[in-house]
Amino acid sequence: MPNLISLLTFAAAVFAVWLVFKIFSFPIKIFFRMLINAIIGAVILLAFNFFGNIIGFTIPITWLTALIAGVFGIPGVGAIIIYMLLFP
């Protein structure tokens, strides 16, 4: 059930960003670049938690970690991992 809520929250955020882009007439190319970056960040975060569970190191998926992974993509997930290793 928490994964369904996370997925619905992600979909609502994507829709809200799309709506803002449409209202302010930003180029749609930037929106799709941000969308792809967000999807890659979310998939890597979920995959890391899946495989990290085996070794006992997971990242709690909160609104902040989802935001960082969504905005910054792969470097954001790397920054979250480094932060969690330094400050457990």
PDB file of N, CA and C in Angstrom:
ATOM      1  N   MET A   1       0.808  -1.199   0.000  1.00  0.00           N
ATOM      2  CA  MET A   1       0.000   0.000   0.000  1.00  0.00           C
ATOM      3  C   MET A   1       0.858   1.272   0.000  1.00  0.00           C
ATOM      4  N   PRO A   2       1.968   1.332   0.773  1.00  0.00           N
ATOM      5  CA  PRO A   2       2.783   2.548   0.731  1.00  0.00           C
ATOM      6  C   PRO A   2       3.357   2.821  -0.658  1.00  0.00           C
ATOM      7  N   ASN A   3       3.658   1.771  -1.437  1.00  0.00           N
ATOM      8  CA  ASN A   3       4.177   1.994  -2.784  1.00  0.00           C
ATOM      9  C   ASN A   3       3.117   2.614  -3.685  1.00  0.00           C
ATOM     10  N   LEU A   4       1.869   2.233  -3.516  1.00  0.00           N
ATOM     11  CA  LEU A   4       0.786   2.815  -4.296  1.00  0.00           C
ATOM     12  C   LEU A   4       0.622   4.290  -3.953  1.00  0.00           C
ATOM     13  N   ILE A   5       0.712   4.628  -2.682  1.00  0.00           N
ATOM     14  CA  ILE A   5       0.613   6.020  -2.262  1.00  0.00           C
ATOM     15  C   ILE A   5       1.779   6.819  -2.819  1.00  0.00           C
ATOM     16  N   SER A   6       2.980   6.252  -2.799  1.00  0.00           N
ATOM     17  CA  SER A   6       4.149   6.928  -3.363  1.00  0.00           C
ATOM     18  C   SER A   6       3.980   7.146  -4.857  1.00  0.00           C
ATOM     19  N   LEU A   7       3.453   6.158  -5.544  1.00  0.00           N
ATOM     20  CA  LEU A   7       3.243   6.276  -6.985  1.00  0.00           C
ATOM     21  C   LEU A   7       2.199   7.345  -7.303  1.00  0.00           C
ATOM     22  N   LEU A   8       1.123   7.380  -6.535  1.00  0.00           N
ATOM     23  CA  LEU A   8       0.099   8.402  -6.754  1.00  0.00           C
ATOM     24  C   LEU A   8       0.622   9.799  -6.431  1.00  0.00           C
ATOM     25  N   THR A   9       1.444   9.914  -5.401  1.00  0.00           N
ATOM     26  CA  THR A   9       2.048  11.201  -5.060  1.00  0.00           C
ATOM     27  C   THR A   9       2.974  11.662  -6.173  1.00  0.00           C
ATOM     28  N   PHE A  10       3.761  10.743  -6.720  1.00  0.00           N
ATOM     29  CA  PHE A  10       4.659  11.062  -7.818  1.00  0.00           C
ATOM     30  C   PHE A  10       3.867  11.522  -9.039  1.00  0.00           C
ATOM     31  N   ALA A  11       2.777  10.820  -9.351  1.00  0.00           N
ATOM     32  CA  ALA A  11       1.948  11.193 -10.493  1.00  0.00           C
ATOM     33  C   ALA A  11       1.311  12.566 -10.288  1.00  0.00           C
ATOM     34  N   ALA A  12       0.869  12.849  -9.086  1.00  0.00           N
ATOM     35  CA  ALA A  12       0.280  14.161  -8.800  1.00  0.00           C
ATOM     36  C   ALA A  12       1.328  15.268  -8.924  1.00  0.00           C
ATOM     37  N   ALA A  13       2.547  15.005  -8.483  1.00  0.00           N
ATOM     38  CA  ALA A  13       3.615  15.998  -8.597  1.00  0.00           C
ATOM     39  C   ALA A  13       3.971  16.251 -10.057  1.00  0.00           C
ATOM     40  N   VAL A  14       4.021  15.199 -10.851  1.00  0.00           N
ATOM     41  CA  VAL A  14       4.309  15.356 -12.281  1.00  0.00           C
ATOM     42  C   VAL A  14       3.216  16.176 -12.948  1.00  0.00           C
ATOM     43  N   PHE A  15       1.976  15.897 -12.611  1.00  0.00           N
ATOM     44  CA  PHE A  15       0.860  16.664 -13.178  1.00  0.00           C
ATOM     45  C   PHE A  15       0.933  18.131 -12.759  1.00  0.00           C
ATOM     46  N   ALA A  16       1.268  18.394 -11.496  1.00  0.00           N
ATOM     47  CA  ALA A  16       1.358  19.772 -11.020  1.00  0.00           C
ATOM     48  C   ALA A  16       2.474  20.529 -11.739  1.00  0.00           C
ATOM     49  N   VAL A  17       3.609  19.887 -11.939  1.00  0.00           N
ATOM     50  CA  VAL A  17       4.711  20.537 -12.652  1.00  0.00           C
ATOM     51  C   VAL A  17       4.312  20.788 -14.101  1.00  0.00           C
ATOM     52  N   TRP A  18       3.659  19.825 -14.725  1.00  0.00           N
ATOM     53  CA  TRP A  18       3.196  19.994 -16.110  1.00  0.00           C
ATOM     54  C   TRP A  18       2.233  21.179 -16.204  1.00  0.00           C
ATOM     55  N   LEU A  19       1.347  21.289 -15.236  1.00  0.00           N
ATOM     56  CA  LEU A  19       0.374  22.376 -15.227  1.00  0.00           C
ATOM     57  C   LEU A  19       1.062  23.731 -15.088  1.00  0.00           C
ATOM     58  N   VAL A  20       2.055  23.819 -14.229  1.00  0.00           N
ATOM     59  CA  VAL A  20       2.803  25.068 -14.062  1.00  0.00           C
ATOM     60  C   VAL A  20       3.516  25.428 -15.360  1.00  0.00           C
ATOM     61  N   PHE A  21       4.111  24.439 -16.019  1.00  0.00           N
ATOM     62  CA  PHE A  21       4.789  24.686 -17.287  1.00  0.00           C
ATOM     63  C   PHE A  21       3.802  25.184 -18.344  1.00  0.00           C
ATOM     64  N   LYS A  22       2.624  24.614 -18.375  1.00  0.00           N
ATOM     65  CA  LYS A  22       1.614  25.041 -19.352  1.00  0.00           C
ATOM     66  C   LYS A  22       1.124  26.456 -19.052  1.00  0.00           C
ATOM     67  N   ILE A  23       0.925  26.760 -17.791  1.00  0.00           N
ATOM     68  CA  ILE A  23       0.419  28.076 -17.413  1.00  0.00           C
ATOM     69  C   ILE A  23       1.428  29.167 -17.769  1.00  0.00           C
ATOM     70  N   PHE A  24       2.703  28.927 -17.481  1.00  0.00           N
ATOM     71  CA  PHE A  24       3.718  29.938 -17.719  1.00  0.00           C
ATOM     72  C   PHE A  24       4.407  29.793 -19.077  1.00  0.00           C
ATOM     73  N   SER A  25       3.940  28.889 -19.906  1.00  0.00           N
ATOM     74  CA  SER A  25       4.436  28.683 -21.271  1.00  0.00           C
ATOM     75  C   SER A  25       5.931  28.385 -21.342  1.00  0.00           C
ATOM     76  N   PHE A  26       6.422  27.576 -20.416  1.00  0.00           N
ATOM     77  CA  PHE A  26       7.800  27.119 -20.497  1.00  0.00           C
ATOM     78  C   PHE A  26       7.917  26.106 -21.619  1.00  0.00           C
ATOM     79  N   PRO A  27       9.094  25.973 -22.191  1.00  0.00           N
ATOM     80  CA  PRO A  27       9.262  24.963 -23.237  1.00  0.00           C
ATOM     81  C   PRO A  27       9.010  23.559 -22.684  1.00  0.00           C
ATOM     82  N   ILE A  28       8.259  22.788 -23.424  1.00  0.00           N
ATOM     83  CA  ILE A  28       7.891  21.443 -22.995  1.00  0.00           C
ATOM     84  C   ILE A  28       9.115  20.529 -22.963  1.00  0.00           C
ATOM     85  N   LYS A  29      10.160  20.886 -23.717  1.00  0.00           N
ATOM     86  CA  LYS A  29      11.391  20.096 -23.726  1.00  0.00           C
ATOM     87  C   LYS A  29      12.024  20.059 -22.333  1.00  0.00           C
ATOM     88  N   ILE A  30      11.993  21.180 -21.625  1.00  0.00           N
ATOM     89  CA  ILE A  30      12.536  21.233 -20.270  1.00  0.00           C
ATOM     90  C   ILE A  30      11.712  20.351 -19.347  1.00  0.00           C
ATOM     91  N   PHE A  31      10.400  20.354 -19.531  1.00  0.00           N
ATOM     92  CA  PHE A  31       9.536  19.513 -18.698  1.00  0.00           C
ATOM     93  C   PHE A  31       9.873  18.035 -18.875  1.00  0.00           C
ATOM     94  N   PHE A  32      10.038  17.594 -20.136  1.00  0.00           N
ATOM     95  CA  PHE A  32      10.339  16.190 -20.362  1.00  0.00           C
ATOM     96  C   PHE A  32      11.722  15.815 -19.847  1.00  0.00           C
ATOM     97  N   ARG A  33      12.677  16.736 -19.926  1.00  0.00           N
ATOM     98  CA  ARG A  33      14.001  16.470 -19.370  1.00  0.00           C
ATOM     99  C   ARG A  33      13.918  16.284 -17.853  1.00  0.00           C
ATOM    100  N   MET A  34      13.131  17.149 -17.189  1.00  0.00           N
ATOM    101  CA  MET A  34      12.948  17.021 -15.745  1.00  0.00           C
ATOM    102  C   MET A  34      12.195  15.737 -15.401  1.00  0.00           C
ATOM    103  N   LEU A  35      11.214  15.371 -16.211  1.00  0.00           N
ATOM    104  CA  LEU A  35      10.445  14.158 -15.976  1.00  0.00           C
ATOM    105  C   LEU A  35      11.323  12.919 -16.083  1.00  0.00           C
ATOM    106  N   ILE A  36      12.154  12.857 -17.108  1.00  0.00           N
ATOM    107  CA  ILE A  36      13.052  11.714 -17.271  1.00  0.00           C
ATOM    108  C   ILE A  36      14.037  11.654 -16.119  1.00  0.00           C
ATOM    109  N   ASN A  37      14.551  12.804 -15.694  1.00  0.00           N
ATOM    110  CA  ASN A  37      15.471  12.852 -14.567  1.00  0.00           C
ATOM    111  C   ASN A  37      14.792  12.356 -13.292  1.00  0.00           C
ATOM    112  N   ALA A  38      13.546  12.751 -13.084  1.00  0.00           N
ATOM    113  CA  ALA A  38      12.806  12.314 -11.897  1.00  0.00           C
ATOM    114  C   ALA A  38      12.544  10.810 -11.923  1.00  0.00           C
ATOM    115  N   ILE A  39      12.198  10.283 -13.072  1.00  0.00           N
ATOM    116  CA  ILE A  39      11.933   8.845 -13.175  1.00  0.00           C
ATOM    117  C   ILE A  39      13.209   8.047 -12.924  1.00  0.00           C
ATOM    118  N   ILE A  40      14.321   8.483 -13.522  1.00  0.00           N
ATOM    119  CA  ILE A  40      15.590   7.787 -13.306  1.00  0.00           C
ATOM    120  C   ILE A  40      15.980   7.833 -11.833  1.00  0.00           C
ATOM    121  N   GLY A  41      15.833   8.985 -11.187  1.00  0.00           N
ATOM    122  CA  GLY A  41      16.161   9.105  -9.765  1.00  0.00           C
ATOM    123  C   GLY A  41      15.297   8.207  -8.898  1.00  0.00           C
ATOM    124  N   ALA A  42      13.999   8.142  -9.195  1.00  0.00           N
ATOM    125  CA  ALA A  42      13.094   7.303  -8.403  1.00  0.00           C
ATOM    126  C   ALA A  42      13.397   5.822  -8.592  1.00  0.00           C
ATOM    127  N   VAL A  43      13.681   5.418  -9.816  1.00  0.00           N
ATOM    128  CA  VAL A  43      13.993   4.011 -10.077  1.00  0.00           C
ATOM    129  C   VAL A  43      15.294   3.615  -9.387  1.00  0.00           C
ATOM    130  N   ILE A  44      16.294   4.475  -9.451  1.00  0.00           N
ATOM    131  CA  ILE A  44      17.566   4.152  -8.793  1.00  0.00           C
ATOM    132  C   ILE A  44      17.396   4.100  -7.285  1.00  0.00           C
ATOM    133  N   LEU A  45      16.614   5.004  -6.721  1.00  0.00           N
ATOM    134  CA  LEU A  45      16.364   4.986  -5.279  1.00  0.00           C
ATOM    135  C   LEU A  45      15.643   3.714  -4.864  1.00  0.00           C
ATOM    136  N   LEU A  46      14.637   3.301  -5.612  1.00  0.00           N
ATOM    137  CA  LEU A  46      13.927   2.064  -5.295  1.00  0.00           C
ATOM    138  C   LEU A  46      14.815   0.837  -5.486  1.00  0.00           C
ATOM    139  N   ALA A  47      15.623   0.827  -6.556  1.00  0.00           N
ATOM    140  CA  ALA A  47      16.523  -0.299  -6.790  1.00  0.00           C
ATOM    141  C   ALA A  47      17.581  -0.380  -5.698  1.00  0.00           C
ATOM    142  N   PHE A  48      18.097   0.781  -5.275  1.00  0.00           N
ATOM    143  CA  PHE A  48      19.087   0.769  -4.198  1.00  0.00           C
ATOM    144  C   PHE A  48      18.481   0.222  -2.918  1.00  0.00           C
ATOM    145  N   ASN A  49      17.244   0.606  -2.612  1.00  0.00           N
ATOM    146  CA  ASN A  49      16.599   0.075  -1.414  1.00  0.00           C
ATOM    147  C   ASN A  49      16.336  -1.422  -1.545  1.00  0.00           C
ATOM    148  N   PHE A  50      16.000  -1.882  -2.732  1.00  0.00           N
ATOM    149  CA  PHE A  50      15.755  -3.309  -2.932  1.00  0.00           C
ATOM    150  C   PHE A  50      17.032  -4.115  -2.695  1.00  0.00           C
ATOM    151  N   PHE A  51      18.126  -3.693  -3.329  1.00  0.00           N
ATOM    152  CA  PHE A  51      19.378  -4.430  -3.179  1.00  0.00           C
ATOM    153  C   PHE A  51      20.090  -4.078  -1.875  1.00  0.00           C
ATOM    154  N   GLY A  52      19.872  -2.878  -1.359  1.00  0.00           N
ATOM    155  CA  GLY A  52      20.476  -2.495  -0.088  1.00  0.00           C
ATOM    156  C   GLY A  52      19.875  -3.234   1.087  1.00  0.00           C
ATOM    157  N   ASN A  53      18.662  -3.707   0.927  1.00  0.00           N
ATOM    158  CA  ASN A  53      18.012  -4.480   1.979  1.00  0.00           C
ATOM    159  C   ASN A  53      18.761  -5.778   2.235  1.00  0.00           C
ATOM    160  N   ILE A  54      19.409  -6.295   1.215  1.00  0.00           N
ATOM    161  CA  ILE A  54      20.177  -7.535   1.354  1.00  0.00           C
ATOM    162  C   ILE A  54      21.355  -7.337   2.303  1.00  0.00           C
ATOM    163  N   ILE A  55      22.044  -6.191   2.176  1.00  0.00           N
ATOM    164  CA  ILE A  55      23.202  -5.936   3.039  1.00  0.00           C
ATOM    165  C   ILE A  55      22.843  -5.140   4.285  1.00  0.00           C
ATOM    166  N   GLY A  56      21.605  -4.742   4.402  1.00  0.00           N
ATOM    167  CA  GLY A  56      21.151  -4.057   5.609  1.00  0.00           C
ATOM    168  C   GLY A  56      21.302  -2.549   5.562  1.00  0.00           C
ATOM    169  N   PHE A  57      21.424  -1.959   4.399  1.00  0.00           N
ATOM    170  CA  PHE A  57      21.542  -0.499   4.263  1.00  0.00           C
ATOM    171  C   PHE A  57      20.475  -0.005   3.314  1.00  0.00           C
ATOM    172  N   THR A  58      19.476   0.669   3.854  1.00  0.00           N
ATOM    173  CA  THR A  58      18.401   1.215   3.027  1.00  0.00           C
ATOM    174  C   THR A  58      18.274   2.710   3.290  1.00  0.00           C
ATOM    175  N   ILE A  59      17.646   3.377   2.370  1.00  0.00           N
ATOM    176  CA  ILE A  59      17.387   4.808   2.495  1.00  0.00           C
ATOM    177  C   ILE A  59      15.890   4.980   2.721  1.00  0.00           C
ATOM    178  N   PRO A  60      15.500   5.637   3.813  1.00  0.00           N
ATOM    179  CA  PRO A  60      14.069   5.861   4.004  1.00  0.00           C
ATOM    180  C   PRO A  60      13.540   6.806   2.930  1.00  0.00           C
ATOM    181  N   ILE A  61      12.462   6.405   2.290  1.00  0.00           N
ATOM    182  CA  ILE A  61      11.889   7.229   1.227  1.00  0.00           C
ATOM    183  C   ILE A  61      10.901   8.194   1.864  1.00  0.00           C
ATOM    184  N   THR A  62      11.341   9.437   1.993  1.00  0.00           N
ATOM    185  CA  THR A  62      10.516  10.511   2.536  1.00  0.00           C
ATOM    186  C   THR A  62      10.307  11.529   1.435  1.00  0.00           C
ATOM    187  N   TRP A  63       9.576  12.572   1.738  1.00  0.00           N
ATOM    188  CA  TRP A  63       9.349  13.600   0.726  1.00  0.00           C
ATOM    189  C   TRP A  63      10.659  14.291   0.357  1.00  0.00           C
ATOM    190  N   LEU A  64      11.590  14.413   1.323  1.00  0.00           N
ATOM    191  CA  LEU A  64      12.860  15.075   1.047  1.00  0.00           C
ATOM    192  C   LEU A  64      13.759  14.219   0.163  1.00  0.00           C
ATOM    193  N   THR A  65      13.880  12.927   0.466  1.00  0.00           N
ATOM    194  CA  THR A  65      14.725  12.068  -0.364  1.00  0.00           C
ATOM    195  C   THR A  65      14.120  11.903  -1.756  1.00  0.00           C
ATOM    196  N   ALA A  66      12.799  11.838  -1.837  1.00  0.00           N
ATOM    197  CA  ALA A  66      12.149  11.749  -3.151  1.00  0.00           C
ATOM    198  C   ALA A  66      12.358  13.028  -3.950  1.00  0.00           C
ATOM    199  N   LEU A  67      12.311  14.169  -3.285  1.00  0.00           N
ATOM    200  CA  LEU A  67      12.531  15.444  -3.961  1.00  0.00           C
ATOM    201  C   LEU A  67      13.965  15.551  -4.475  1.00  0.00           C
ATOM    202  N   ILE A  68      14.923  15.180  -3.646  1.00  0.00           N
ATOM    203  CA  ILE A  68      16.332  15.242  -4.056  1.00  0.00           C
ATOM    204  C   ILE A  68      16.591  14.282  -5.206  1.00  0.00           C
ATOM    205  N   ALA A  69      16.096  13.058  -5.105  1.00  0.00           N
ATOM    206  CA  ALA A  69      16.292  12.081  -6.183  1.00  0.00           C
ATOM    207  C   ALA A  69      15.570  12.507  -7.451  1.00  0.00           C
ATOM    208  N   GLY A  70      14.421  13.128  -7.318  1.00  0.00           N
ATOM    209  CA  GLY A  70      13.662  13.548  -8.489  1.00  0.00           C
ATOM    210  C   GLY A  70      14.256  14.741  -9.198  1.00  0.00           C
ATOM    211  N   VAL A  71      14.777  15.691  -8.451  1.00  0.00           N
ATOM    212  CA  VAL A  71      15.317  16.893  -9.057  1.00  0.00           C
ATOM    213  C   VAL A  71      16.722  16.658  -9.606  1.00  0.00           C
ATOM    214  N   PHE A  72      17.545  15.962  -8.839  1.00  0.00           N
ATOM    215  CA  PHE A  72      18.948  15.812  -9.225  1.00  0.00           C
ATOM    216  C   PHE A  72      19.269  14.476  -9.888  1.00  0.00           C
ATOM    217  N   GLY A  73      18.349  13.522  -9.848  1.00  0.00           N
ATOM    218  CA  GLY A  73      18.568  12.245 -10.524  1.00  0.00           C
ATOM    219  C   GLY A  73      19.667  11.421  -9.882  1.00  0.00           C
ATOM    220  N   ILE A  74      20.567  10.884 -10.707  1.00  0.00           N
ATOM    221  CA  ILE A  74      21.632  10.004 -10.229  1.00  0.00           C
ATOM    222  C   ILE A  74      22.555  10.712  -9.236  1.00  0.00           C
ATOM    223  N   PRO A  75      23.033  11.934  -9.509  1.00  0.00           N
ATOM    224  CA  PRO A  75      23.887  12.598  -8.512  1.00  0.00           C
ATOM    225  C   PRO A  75      23.155  12.846  -7.189  1.00  0.00           C
ATOM    226  N   GLY A  76      21.858  13.076  -7.246  1.00  0.00           N
ATOM    227  CA  GLY A  76      21.086  13.270  -6.027  1.00  0.00           C
ATOM    228  C   GLY A  76      21.024  12.012  -5.179  1.00  0.00           C
ATOM    229  N   VAL A  77      20.824  10.874  -5.828  1.00  0.00           N
ATOM    230  CA  VAL A  77      20.810   9.602  -5.096  1.00  0.00           C
ATOM    231  C   VAL A  77      22.190   9.337  -4.503  1.00  0.00           C
ATOM    232  N   GLY A  78      23.232   9.638  -5.264  1.00  0.00           N
ATOM    233  CA  GLY A  78      24.590   9.482  -4.739  1.00  0.00           C
ATOM    234  C   GLY A  78      24.828  10.360  -3.526  1.00  0.00           C
ATOM    235  N   ALA A  79      24.333  11.592  -3.561  1.00  0.00           N
ATOM    236  CA  ALA A  79      24.477  12.496  -2.423  1.00  0.00           C
ATOM    237  C   ALA A  79      23.707  11.983  -1.210  1.00  0.00           C
ATOM    238  N   ILE A  80      22.542  11.420  -1.439  1.00  0.00           N
ATOM    239  CA  ILE A  80      21.751  10.863  -0.328  1.00  0.00           C
ATOM    240  C   ILE A  80      22.496   9.676   0.288  1.00  0.00           C
ATOM    241  N   ILE A  81      23.072   8.815  -0.552  1.00  0.00           N
ATOM    242  CA  ILE A  81      23.814   7.665  -0.036  1.00  0.00           C
ATOM    243  C   ILE A  81      25.004   8.118   0.797  1.00  0.00           C
ATOM    244  N   ILE A  82      25.752   9.082   0.274  1.00  0.00           N
ATOM    245  CA  ILE A  82      26.912   9.594   1.023  1.00  0.00           C
ATOM    246  C   ILE A  82      26.467  10.206   2.346  1.00  0.00           C
ATOM    247  N   TYR A  83      25.393  10.977   2.314  1.00  0.00           N
ATOM    248  CA  TYR A  83      24.881  11.589   3.539  1.00  0.00           C
ATOM    249  C   TYR A  83      24.471  10.513   4.556  1.00  0.00           C
ATOM    250  N   MET A  84      23.770   9.479   4.083  1.00  0.00           N
ATOM    251  CA  MET A  84      23.335   8.422   5.008  1.00  0.00           C
ATOM    252  C   MET A  84      24.514   7.631   5.554  1.00  0.00           C
ATOM    253  N   LEU A  85      25.598   7.508   4.794  1.00  0.00           N
ATOM    254  CA  LEU A  85      26.791   6.820   5.299  1.00  0.00           C
ATOM    255  C   LEU A  85      27.531   7.657   6.315  1.00  0.00           C
ATOM    256  N   LEU A  86      27.574   8.969   6.110  1.00  0.00           N
ATOM    257  CA  LEU A  86      28.294   9.847   7.035  1.00  0.00           C
ATOM    258  C   LEU A  86      27.509  10.160   8.305  1.00  0.00           C
ATOM    259  N   PHE A  87      26.196  10.322   8.168  1.00  0.00           N
ATOM    260  CA  PHE A  87      25.346  10.676   9.299  1.00  0.00           C
ATOM    261  C   PHE A  87      24.216   9.661   9.440  1.00  0.00           C
ATOM    262  N   PRO A  88      24.493   8.518  10.031  1.00  0.00           N
ATOM    263  CA  PRO A  88      23.454   7.469  10.119  1.00  0.00           C
ATOM    264  C   PRO A  88      22.345   7.794  11.038  1.00  0.00           C
TER     265      PRO A  88
END
